[in-house]
Amino acid sequence: MPLDTLDHSAPSLFKQRASRPSQLALYSALALFLMVADARFKITEPARIAVSTVLSPVQWLVAQPVLAYQNASRYAEVQQQAVRKEDEARKELVAMAQRAELAEELLEENGHLRALLGLRERMTQPGQAAEVIYDSPDPYTRRVVIDKGETDGIAPGSPVLDEKGVVGQVTRVYATRSEVSLLIDRDQAIPVFNPRTGARSVAYGDPSPARSGGMELRFMPSNADVQEGDLLTTSGVDGLYPPGLPVAKVVTVDRRADSAFTRIYCEPVGRVQGVRHVMVLQPLNRAVHPEAEAQAAQAAADKKAKDAAKGKKDGKSDKGRSGKSGDAAAPAQPAKDPA
């Protein structure tokens, strides 16, 4: 038997190992012993501390990518939440501003309505509240349209005022709406009274572009006793406006040496611009507006002239017929007895 073929390994007796169940039981008992010993006597605590100290830099290095990803995700989420909260805050701020503006507008409207109610209680003349729907589309006039008309008992020429004073007069009446000419309209005029001096005059709407929205006292003599700040009220001589209603306040008195008249400009006391709620009073004598009155007078004159012409024509025809019949039916004159 060659030398290189000899088997130098140990005999099979020494190659035998414990069986797998035996190994499992041994390792289980060892693990149980170590757990009990560690729980009782802390025998693995130094080893655990040493291993943790050695592996701490490795753990920190391995955890950095995970921490960076978590921080980036958290930052993106927080930023989205901040943007969403900012949008919600902006929307809530806009809604609060709108509610505040609406509340302020309602408070102002409530104040106007309360003032109108108090004015109605103080007025002896019957009237009713109305709301301004829109301004007149005619750019050359200063008129507004209210939501009361003929069905509500509105008459032409009715005074219109707010809680501060007169704002205009009803000039046209429709079925459910009425047109109000404001005091600043160029075709509007109102008799006024100066309580300080007792003088009466007429205030007209100022058509000049430089003083749009004002009034003017025309044909006032140069020595007229009018001062800036004088309050003008209704005189009541027109039979439409009740006396004593505030109309305007004098703001400028222009006395010129080369003119016999004084230019007096006034500012209306009532809110002629931007008025929303008004009080419509009945005219004192239910007189119609001057335009309607002129139309009625013209119609009456035309009818009178037509009746006169018809009566004259009928008189001529009757006279002609009576002449012819008189000639035919005249008795014969008796013959004179010759003496």
Protein backbone atom coordinates (compact mmCIF):
# COMPACT_ATOMS: atom_id res chain seq x y z
CA MET A 1 0.00 0.00 0.00
CA PRO A 2 1.67 3.23 -1.09
CA LEU A 3 2.57 5.78 1.45
CA ASP A 4 0.70 8.64 -0.18
CA THR A 5 -2.49 6.69 -0.12
CA LEU A 6 -2.56 6.21 3.59
CA ASP A 7 -5.49 7.88 5.38
CA HIS A 8 -4.05 10.13 8.06
CA SER A 9 -7.46 11.25 9.37
CA ALA A 10 -8.66 10.39 12.86
CA PRO A 11 -10.64 7.30 13.44
CA SER A 12 -14.34 7.51 12.96
CA LEU A 13 -14.84 7.23 16.67
CA PHE A 14 -13.71 10.81 17.24
CA LYS A 15 -15.82 12.25 14.29
CA GLN A 16 -19.13 11.60 15.93
CA ARG A 17 -21.05 14.72 17.17
CA ALA A 18 -24.09 15.20 19.30
CA SER A 19 -27.40 14.91 17.58
CA ARG A 20 -29.39 17.92 16.53
CA PRO A 21 -32.01 17.64 19.28
CA SER A 22 -29.21 17.43 21.81
CA GLN A 23 -27.58 20.55 20.40
CA LEU A 24 -30.89 22.38 20.49
CA ALA A 25 -31.47 21.40 24.09
CA LEU A 26 -27.95 22.41 25.06
CA TYR A 27 -28.13 25.80 23.39
CA SER A 28 -31.59 26.43 24.80
CA ALA A 29 -30.41 25.67 28.29
CA LEU A 30 -27.40 27.91 27.80
CA ALA A 31 -29.58 30.78 26.55
CA LEU A 32 -31.97 30.33 29.43
CA PHE A 33 -29.07 30.34 31.85
CA LEU A 34 -27.63 33.48 30.37
CA MET A 35 -30.99 35.25 30.46
CA VAL A 36 -31.56 34.34 34.07
CA ALA A 37 -28.02 35.27 34.99
CA ASP A 38 -28.26 38.58 33.17
CA ALA A 39 -31.58 39.35 34.78
CA ARG A 40 -30.28 38.42 38.22
CA PHE A 41 -26.63 39.40 38.24
CA LYS A 42 -26.23 41.71 35.17
CA ILE A 43 -23.29 39.74 33.94
CA THR A 44 -23.64 40.91 30.31
CA GLU A 45 -23.97 44.60 31.12
CA PRO A 46 -20.24 45.45 30.65
CA ALA A 47 -20.14 43.55 27.40
CA ARG A 48 -23.28 45.32 26.16
CA ILE A 49 -21.85 48.73 27.06
CA ALA A 50 -18.58 47.97 25.32
CA VAL A 51 -20.29 46.75 22.16
CA SER A 52 -22.64 49.76 22.15
CA THR A 53 -19.70 52.13 22.54
CA VAL A 54 -17.85 50.51 19.67
CA LEU A 55 -20.87 50.40 17.33
CA SER A 56 -22.22 53.88 18.16
CA PRO A 57 -20.39 55.72 15.28
CA VAL A 58 -21.50 53.04 12.86
CA GLN A 59 -25.11 53.37 14.00
CA TRP A 60 -24.98 57.18 13.66
CA LEU A 61 -23.52 56.95 10.15
CA VAL A 62 -26.07 54.39 9.02
CA ALA A 63 -28.98 56.40 10.50
CA GLN A 64 -28.10 59.68 8.74
CA PRO A 65 -29.77 58.92 5.37
CA VAL A 66 -32.92 57.77 7.13
CA LEU A 67 -32.99 60.89 9.32
CA ALA A 68 -32.39 63.14 6.29
CA TYR A 69 -35.29 61.54 4.41
CA GLN A 70 -37.57 61.87 7.44
CA ASN A 71 -36.59 65.52 7.94
CA ALA A 72 -37.20 66.33 4.26
CA SER A 73 -40.60 64.65 4.34
CA ARG A 74 -41.53 66.44 7.55
CA TYR A 75 -40.39 69.80 6.12
CA ALA A 76 -42.47 69.32 2.94
CA GLU A 77 -45.51 68.32 5.00
CA VAL A 78 -45.12 71.28 7.35
CA GLN A 79 -44.71 73.66 4.41
CA GLN A 80 -47.86 72.34 2.76
CA GLN A 81 -49.76 72.71 6.01
CA ALA A 82 -48.46 76.26 6.40
CA VAL A 83 -49.52 77.17 2.85
CA ARG A 84 -52.94 75.60 3.37
CA LYS A 85 -53.41 77.41 6.67
CA GLU A 86 -52.33 80.69 5.06
CA ASP A 87 -54.89 80.25 2.28
CA GLU A 88 -57.59 79.44 4.82
CA ALA A 89 -56.58 82.47 6.90
CA ARG A 90 -56.71 84.72 3.84
CA LYS A 91 -60.16 83.44 2.89
CA GLU A 92 -61.39 83.86 6.45
CA LEU A 93 -59.92 87.37 6.56
CA VAL A 94 -61.72 88.29 3.32
CA ALA A 95 -64.97 86.81 4.65
CA MET A 96 -64.57 88.72 7.92
CA ALA A 97 -63.88 91.95 6.02
CA GLN A 98 -66.99 91.41 3.92
CA ARG A 99 -69.07 90.67 7.01
CA ALA A 100 -67.66 93.73 8.76
CA GLU A 101 -68.43 95.90 5.74
CA LEU A 102 -71.93 94.43 5.48
CA ALA A 103 -72.48 94.97 9.20
CA GLU A 104 -71.30 98.56 8.91
CA GLU A 105 -73.58 99.12 5.93
CA LEU A 106 -76.51 97.57 7.76
CA LEU A 107 -75.82 99.73 10.81
CA GLU A 108 -75.72 102.83 8.64
CA GLU A 109 -78.90 101.82 6.85
CA ASN A 110 -80.55 101.08 10.18
CA GLY A 111 -79.56 104.53 11.41
CA HIS A 112 -81.05 106.16 8.30
CA LEU A 113 -84.26 104.18 8.66
CA ARG A 114 -84.54 105.07 12.34
CA ALA A 115 -83.96 108.72 11.49
CA LEU A 116 -86.66 108.52 8.79
CA LEU A 117 -89.01 106.87 11.27
CA GLY A 118 -88.39 109.65 13.76
CA LEU A 119 -88.90 112.23 11.02
CA ARG A 120 -92.18 110.60 10.06
CA GLU A 121 -93.35 110.76 13.66
CA ARG A 122 -92.47 114.45 13.84
CA MET A 123 -94.16 115.33 10.56
CA THR A 124 -97.83 116.22 10.64
CA GLN A 125 -98.12 115.66 6.92
CA PRO A 126 -98.70 112.02 5.80
CA GLY A 127 -95.86 110.31 4.01
CA GLN A 128 -94.30 106.94 3.28
CA ALA A 129 -90.80 105.55 3.05
CA ALA A 130 -89.33 104.56 -0.31
CA GLU A 131 -86.07 103.07 -1.55
CA VAL A 132 -84.01 104.45 -4.41
CA ILE A 133 -83.67 101.77 -7.08
CA TYR A 134 -81.27 103.42 -9.51
CA ASP A 135 -80.22 106.75 -10.93
CA SER A 136 -81.76 108.11 -14.09
CA PRO A 137 -79.85 107.04 -17.22
CA ASP A 138 -80.06 110.57 -18.64
CA PRO A 139 -76.58 112.13 -18.15
CA TYR A 140 -77.94 115.69 -18.45
CA THR A 141 -80.32 115.44 -15.50
CA ARG A 142 -80.00 114.65 -11.82
CA ARG A 143 -82.86 112.29 -11.12
CA VAL A 144 -83.41 109.02 -9.28
CA VAL A 145 -86.10 106.35 -9.47
CA ILE A 146 -87.86 105.07 -6.33
CA ASP A 147 -89.85 101.88 -5.79
CA LYS A 148 -93.18 103.61 -5.08
CA GLY A 149 -95.68 104.67 -7.72
CA GLU A 150 -99.28 105.49 -8.45
CA THR A 151 -100.53 102.26 -6.90
CA ASP A 152 -98.90 103.36 -3.62
CA GLY A 153 -100.57 106.75 -3.65
CA ILE A 154 -97.60 108.79 -4.89
CA ALA A 155 -98.71 112.06 -6.52
CA PRO A 156 -96.76 114.33 -8.90
CA GLY A 157 -95.11 117.17 -7.06
CA SER A 158 -94.70 115.24 -3.80
CA PRO A 159 -91.76 116.46 -1.67
CA VAL A 160 -88.97 113.93 -1.16
CA LEU A 161 -86.60 114.22 1.80
CA ASP A 162 -84.22 112.19 3.93
CA GLU A 163 -83.43 112.41 7.63
CA LYS A 164 -81.43 115.63 7.11
CA GLY A 165 -83.58 117.65 4.73
CA VAL A 166 -85.19 117.99 1.31
CA VAL A 167 -83.55 116.07 -1.53
CA GLY A 168 -85.99 116.63 -4.41
CA GLN A 169 -89.49 116.41 -5.79
CA VAL A 170 -91.51 113.75 -7.62
CA THR A 171 -91.80 114.81 -11.27
CA ARG A 172 -93.08 111.67 -12.99
CA VAL A 173 -95.27 108.91 -11.60
CA TYR A 174 -95.64 105.45 -13.10
CA ALA A 175 -97.64 102.46 -11.94
CA THR A 176 -95.08 101.02 -9.51
CA ARG A 177 -92.23 103.52 -9.72
CA SER A 178 -91.68 107.25 -9.62
CA GLU A 179 -89.01 109.60 -10.88
CA VAL A 180 -87.60 112.16 -8.46
CA SER A 181 -85.80 115.30 -9.65
CA LEU A 182 -83.08 116.18 -7.17
CA LEU A 183 -82.49 119.71 -5.94
CA ILE A 184 -79.25 119.88 -7.92
CA ASP A 185 -81.04 119.27 -11.23
CA ARG A 186 -80.74 122.26 -13.54
CA ASP A 187 -84.50 122.41 -14.11
CA GLN A 188 -85.41 122.18 -10.43
CA ALA A 189 -86.34 125.22 -8.32
CA ILE A 190 -87.59 125.48 -4.75
CA PRO A 191 -88.81 128.51 -2.76
CA VAL A 192 -86.62 129.00 0.32
CA PHE A 193 -86.71 131.09 3.47
CA ASN A 194 -83.82 132.51 5.48
CA PRO A 195 -84.80 132.28 9.19
CA ARG A 196 -82.03 134.68 10.19
CA THR A 197 -83.24 137.58 8.05
CA GLY A 198 -86.80 136.54 7.18
CA ALA A 199 -86.08 136.96 3.44
CA ARG A 200 -87.64 134.71 0.83
CA SER A 201 -86.01 133.67 -2.42
CA VAL A 202 -85.80 130.80 -4.90
CA ALA A 203 -82.96 128.27 -5.07
CA TYR A 204 -82.10 126.66 -8.41
CA GLY A 205 -80.00 123.66 -9.27
CA ASP A 206 -76.53 124.78 -10.31
CA PRO A 207 -75.79 123.56 -13.85
CA SER A 208 -72.17 124.77 -13.95
CA PRO A 209 -69.62 121.91 -14.25
CA ALA A 210 -67.33 123.56 -11.70
CA ARG A 211 -70.02 123.45 -9.00
CA SER A 212 -71.87 120.29 -9.93
CA GLY A 213 -73.91 119.05 -7.03
CA GLY A 214 -74.78 122.49 -5.62
CA MET A 215 -77.49 125.12 -5.75
CA GLU A 216 -77.66 128.83 -6.49
CA LEU A 217 -79.75 131.74 -5.25
CA ARG A 218 -80.39 133.82 -8.35
CA PHE A 219 -81.38 137.44 -8.81
CA MET A 220 -80.34 138.43 -5.31
CA PRO A 221 -79.45 142.16 -5.05
CA SER A 222 -75.90 143.11 -4.24
CA ASN A 223 -76.91 144.49 -0.83
CA ALA A 224 -78.85 141.37 0.18
CA ASP A 225 -78.27 140.31 3.77
CA VAL A 226 -76.94 136.82 3.13
CA GLN A 227 -73.95 135.34 4.93
CA GLU A 228 -71.96 132.16 4.60
CA GLY A 229 -73.39 129.49 6.86
CA ASP A 230 -77.01 130.68 6.65
CA LEU A 231 -79.46 127.79 6.72
CA LEU A 232 -82.23 127.97 4.12
CA THR A 233 -85.54 126.23 4.72
CA THR A 234 -88.71 125.74 2.71
CA SER A 235 -90.98 128.77 2.72
CA GLY A 236 -94.21 126.92 1.94
CA VAL A 237 -95.46 129.59 -0.48
CA ASP A 238 -95.61 127.11 -3.36
CA GLY A 239 -98.25 124.98 -1.67
CA LEU A 240 -96.20 121.81 -2.13
CA TYR A 241 -93.45 121.80 0.47
CA PRO A 242 -94.31 122.14 4.15
CA PRO A 243 -92.64 125.21 5.65
CA GLY A 244 -89.54 124.85 7.80
CA LEU A 245 -87.86 121.87 6.09
CA PRO A 246 -84.05 122.25 5.80
CA VAL A 247 -83.00 122.75 2.20
CA ALA A 248 -79.46 124.09 1.86
CA LYS A 249 -76.66 126.00 3.55
CA VAL A 250 -74.95 129.03 2.04
CA VAL A 251 -71.29 128.29 1.28
CA THR A 252 -70.19 131.18 -0.97
CA VAL A 253 -71.36 134.79 -1.33
CA ASP A 254 -69.74 136.49 -4.34
CA ARG A 255 -70.47 140.23 -4.40
CA ARG A 256 -69.30 141.99 -7.56
CA ALA A 257 -68.97 145.71 -7.97
CA ASP A 258 -69.74 145.57 -11.71
CA SER A 259 -73.02 143.66 -11.19
CA ALA A 260 -76.30 144.55 -9.52
CA PHE A 261 -76.76 140.98 -8.36
CA THR A 262 -74.86 138.73 -5.96
CA ARG A 263 -73.80 135.19 -6.86
CA ILE A 264 -74.79 133.01 -3.92
CA TYR A 265 -73.94 129.32 -3.97
CA CYS A 266 -75.45 126.81 -1.58
CA GLU A 267 -74.86 123.21 -0.59
CA PRO A 268 -77.88 120.93 -0.06
CA VAL A 269 -78.39 119.70 3.47
CA GLY A 270 -79.88 116.38 2.37
CA ARG A 271 -77.83 113.65 0.75
CA VAL A 272 -78.70 114.34 -2.87
CA GLN A 273 -75.84 112.10 -3.98
CA GLY A 274 -75.82 108.50 -2.83
CA VAL A 275 -79.17 108.64 -1.08
CA ARG A 276 -80.78 105.21 -0.61
CA HIS A 277 -83.88 105.61 1.55
CA VAL A 278 -86.19 108.63 1.36
CA MET A 279 -89.50 109.84 2.73
CA VAL A 280 -92.18 110.88 0.23
CA LEU A 281 -94.70 113.38 1.60
CA GLN A 282 -98.05 114.33 0.13
CA PRO A 283 -98.26 117.84 -1.30
CA LEU A 284 -100.02 120.34 0.95
CA ASN A 285 -102.88 120.99 -1.45
CA ARG A 286 -102.35 117.96 -3.67
CA ALA A 287 -101.21 120.36 -6.35
CA VAL A 288 -99.72 118.78 -9.41
CA HIS A 289 -96.27 119.39 -10.74
CA PRO A 290 -95.86 122.60 -12.82
CA GLU A 291 -95.38 120.54 -15.99
CA ALA A 292 -98.63 118.67 -15.41
CA GLU A 293 -100.35 121.87 -14.34
CA ALA A 294 -99.24 123.60 -17.55
CA GLN A 295 -100.47 120.67 -19.61
CA ALA A 296 -103.82 120.73 -17.82
CA ALA A 297 -104.13 124.50 -18.30
CA GLN A 298 -103.29 124.17 -21.98
CA ALA A 299 -105.85 121.39 -22.40
CA ALA A 300 -108.48 123.50 -20.62
CA ALA A 301 -107.68 126.50 -22.83
CA ASP A 302 -107.89 124.38 -25.97
CA LYS A 303 -111.23 122.96 -24.87
CA LYS A 304 -112.56 126.43 -24.05
CA ALA A 305 -111.46 127.77 -27.42
CA LYS A 306 -113.01 124.79 -29.18
CA ASP A 307 -116.29 125.25 -27.28
CA ALA A 308 -116.29 128.98 -28.09
CA ALA A 309 -115.72 128.30 -31.78
CA LYS A 310 -118.43 125.69 -31.81
CA GLY A 311 -120.88 128.01 -30.01
CA LYS A 312 -120.10 130.84 -32.43
CA LYS A 313 -120.71 128.59 -35.39
CA ASP A 314 -123.99 127.32 -33.92
CA GLY A 315 -125.07 130.95 -33.25
CA LYS A 316 -124.47 131.95 -36.86
CA SER A 317 -126.45 128.98 -38.17
CA ASP A 318 -129.38 129.71 -35.78
CA LYS A 319 -129.41 133.35 -36.78
CA GLY A 320 -129.55 132.47 -40.45
CA ARG A 321 -132.42 130.08 -39.97
CA SER A 322 -134.37 132.54 -37.83
CA GLY A 323 -133.96 135.29 -40.47
CA LYS A 324 -135.31 133.16 -43.24
CA SER A 325 -138.31 131.95 -41.28
CA GLY A 326 -139.09 135.52 -40.09
CA ASP A 327 -139.25 136.77 -43.63
CA ALA A 328 -141.58 134.02 -44.69
CA ALA A 329 -143.91 134.20 -41.74
CA ALA A 330 -144.08 137.98 -41.35
CA PRO A 331 -147.71 139.23 -41.37
CA ALA A 332 -148.87 141.52 -44.15
CA GLN A 333 -148.98 145.14 -43.23
CA PRO A 334 -152.56 146.52 -43.21
CA ALA A 335 -153.33 149.06 -45.90
CA LYS A 336 -153.55 152.58 -44.71
CA ASP A 337 -156.98 154.17 -44.85
CA PRO A 338 -156.80 157.13 -47.14
CA ALA A 339 -158.13 160.11 -45.51
